[in-house]
Amino acid sequence: MKVGNCMTRDVKIANPDQPIRDVAQMMSSLDAGVMPVGDNDRLVGMITDRDIVVRGVALGNGPDTKVRDVMSVGEVRYCFDDEDIEHVLANMGDLQVRRLPVLNRDKRLVGIISLGDLAKSGESAEAGEALGSISVPGGQHSQTTH
């Protein structure tokens, strides 16, 4: 099965110029801890609740701080909508992530895939394996500030 068949298409996207307060409120209403950051329909980064706390609040930045000042940039991990689920699950386990933005081959953001999406698609054993890899201490955590 391909990622495009089970990904979430209706993805809320943060804007780099939005205040982190707005994104935190969006995360709260969505019950999500991560959001893609897009400029038009191009993926430019990711922002997590941890980014808001560690790069924002902990450094004394207020709620009007712009997303671009705290978001994760650099090597933003993603997958393509035409990739096989098994391959993406293996990558998620290796990268120790629970969600990945999904791009089409024109590199336009078209969705997001989570372990939950994959488990619902009938890939629950593989999703459980990936979760086992993800839950191991020592995942990638960027501590750099912008």
Protein backbone atom coordinates (compact mmCIF):
# COMPACT_ATOMS: atom_id res chain seq x y z
CA MET A 1 0.00 0.00 0.00
CA LYS A 2 1.16 3.55 -0.69
CA VAL A 3 1.38 6.37 1.87
CA GLY A 4 -1.13 8.44 -0.12
CA ASN A 5 -3.81 5.82 0.55
CA CYS A 6 -3.77 6.20 4.33
CA MET A 7 -2.29 9.62 5.16
CA THR A 8 -4.26 12.46 6.69
CA ARG A 9 -4.95 14.97 3.93
CA ASP A 10 -6.65 17.72 5.90
CA VAL A 11 -3.51 18.99 7.60
CA LYS A 12 -3.38 22.22 9.53
CA ILE A 13 -0.24 24.13 8.65
CA ALA A 14 1.53 26.77 10.70
CA ASN A 15 2.86 29.87 8.98
CA PRO A 16 6.40 31.02 9.79
CA ASP A 17 5.11 34.51 10.63
CA GLN A 18 2.40 33.34 13.05
CA PRO A 19 2.90 33.94 16.76
CA ILE A 20 3.64 30.78 18.73
CA ARG A 21 0.54 31.51 20.85
CA ASP A 22 -1.68 30.83 17.80
CA VAL A 23 0.15 27.61 16.97
CA ALA A 24 -0.05 26.43 20.58
CA GLN A 25 -3.81 27.06 20.51
CA MET A 26 -4.11 25.16 17.21
CA MET A 27 -2.13 22.26 18.68
CA SER A 28 -4.38 22.25 21.72
CA SER A 29 -7.58 22.17 19.67
CA LEU A 30 -6.17 19.43 17.41
CA ASP A 31 -4.68 17.47 20.33
CA ALA A 32 -1.40 17.44 18.39
CA GLY A 33 2.18 18.02 19.48
CA VAL A 34 3.64 18.78 16.06
CA MET A 35 2.66 20.83 13.03
CA PRO A 36 4.26 21.31 9.64
CA VAL A 37 5.30 24.87 8.85
CA GLY A 38 4.54 25.92 5.32
CA ASP A 39 5.07 28.92 3.16
CA ASN A 40 2.36 28.69 0.49
CA ASP A 41 2.27 24.90 0.02
CA ARG A 42 6.01 24.37 0.51
CA LEU A 43 7.26 22.67 3.65
CA VAL A 44 9.80 24.96 5.34
CA GLY A 45 10.04 23.37 8.78
CA MET A 46 8.25 21.70 11.65
CA ILE A 47 7.19 23.07 15.00
CA THR A 48 6.57 20.98 18.08
CA ASP A 49 5.18 21.75 21.48
CA ARG A 50 8.73 21.06 22.69
CA ASP A 51 10.13 23.72 20.31
CA ILE A 52 7.69 26.24 21.77
CA VAL A 53 8.75 25.39 25.31
CA VAL A 54 12.52 24.90 24.87
CA ARG A 55 13.28 27.50 22.20
CA GLY A 56 10.52 29.88 23.18
CA VAL A 57 9.34 30.03 26.77
CA ALA A 58 12.50 28.65 28.42
CA LEU A 59 14.60 31.32 26.70
CA GLY A 60 12.27 34.09 27.85
CA ASN A 61 10.45 34.59 24.56
CA GLY A 62 6.84 35.67 24.80
CA PRO A 63 3.70 34.34 23.13
CA ASP A 64 4.05 36.78 20.22
CA THR A 65 7.38 35.23 19.17
CA LYS A 66 7.20 34.17 15.53
CA VAL A 67 7.10 30.50 14.59
CA ARG A 68 10.21 31.00 12.41
CA ASP A 69 12.21 31.87 15.55
CA VAL A 70 11.55 28.55 17.30
CA MET A 71 10.68 26.00 14.58
CA SER A 72 12.90 23.09 13.62
CA VAL A 73 14.59 23.65 10.29
CA GLY A 74 17.54 22.09 8.57
CA GLU A 75 16.96 18.42 7.97
CA VAL A 76 13.17 18.25 8.08
CA ARG A 77 12.27 14.61 7.53
CA TYR A 78 9.44 13.75 5.16
CA CYS A 79 8.19 11.03 2.87
CA PHE A 80 6.48 10.97 -0.51
CA ASP A 81 2.85 10.08 -1.12
CA ASP A 82 3.81 7.33 -3.60
CA GLU A 83 6.20 5.50 -1.24
CA ASP A 84 5.39 2.05 0.13
CA ILE A 85 4.13 2.02 3.70
CA GLU A 86 6.62 -0.66 4.77
CA HIS A 87 9.55 1.51 3.69
CA VAL A 88 8.17 4.58 5.47
CA LEU A 89 7.49 2.59 8.66
CA ALA A 90 11.07 1.35 8.69
CA ASN A 91 12.33 4.92 8.23
CA MET A 92 10.08 6.20 11.02
CA GLY A 93 11.55 3.59 13.35
CA ASP A 94 15.10 4.44 12.32
CA LEU A 95 14.47 8.18 12.71
CA GLN A 96 12.52 7.67 15.93
CA VAL A 97 9.55 9.81 14.82
CA ARG A 98 5.83 9.17 15.10
CA ARG A 99 4.75 11.47 12.27
CA LEU A 100 6.12 12.60 8.94
CA PRO A 101 4.94 15.30 6.55
CA VAL A 102 3.98 13.87 3.17
CA LEU A 103 5.05 15.57 -0.06
CA ASN A 104 4.20 14.86 -3.67
CA ARG A 105 7.02 14.52 -6.18
CA ASP A 106 6.81 18.29 -6.87
CA LYS A 107 7.78 18.67 -3.19
CA ARG A 108 4.42 20.19 -2.30
CA LEU A 109 2.93 19.37 1.11
CA VAL A 110 -0.08 17.08 0.59
CA GLY A 111 -0.58 15.47 4.00
CA ILE A 112 0.89 13.97 7.13
CA ILE A 113 1.31 10.33 8.09
CA SER A 114 1.31 9.03 11.64
CA LEU A 115 1.78 5.64 13.21
CA GLY A 116 -1.93 5.81 14.05
CA ASP A 117 -2.81 6.25 10.37
CA LEU A 118 -0.64 3.27 9.51
CA ALA A 119 -2.13 1.11 12.27
CA LYS A 120 -5.66 1.94 11.02
CA SER A 121 -4.64 0.93 7.49
CA GLY A 122 -4.00 -2.64 8.62
CA GLU A 123 -0.28 -2.21 9.15
CA SER A 124 -0.61 -2.53 12.92
CA ALA A 125 2.15 -5.11 13.41
CA GLU A 126 4.64 -2.99 11.46
CA ALA A 127 3.45 0.18 13.23
CA GLY A 128 4.00 -1.57 16.57
CA GLU A 129 7.53 -2.52 15.50
CA ALA A 130 8.25 1.08 14.47
CA LEU A 131 6.84 2.34 17.77
CA GLY A 132 9.16 -0.04 19.61
CA SER A 133 12.11 1.52 17.80
CA ILE A 134 10.83 5.03 18.39
CA SER A 135 10.31 4.51 22.10
CA VAL A 136 13.96 3.64 22.68
CA PRO A 137 15.80 6.47 24.48
CA GLY A 138 18.26 8.45 22.42
CA GLY A 139 16.12 9.80 19.58
CA GLN A 140 17.10 12.85 17.61
CA HIS A 141 16.48 15.96 19.68
CA SER A 142 17.80 19.22 18.33
CA GLN A 143 18.99 21.48 21.12
CA THR A 144 20.13 24.34 18.90
CA THR A 145 18.55 27.75 19.06
CA HIS A 146 17.84 30.07 16.21
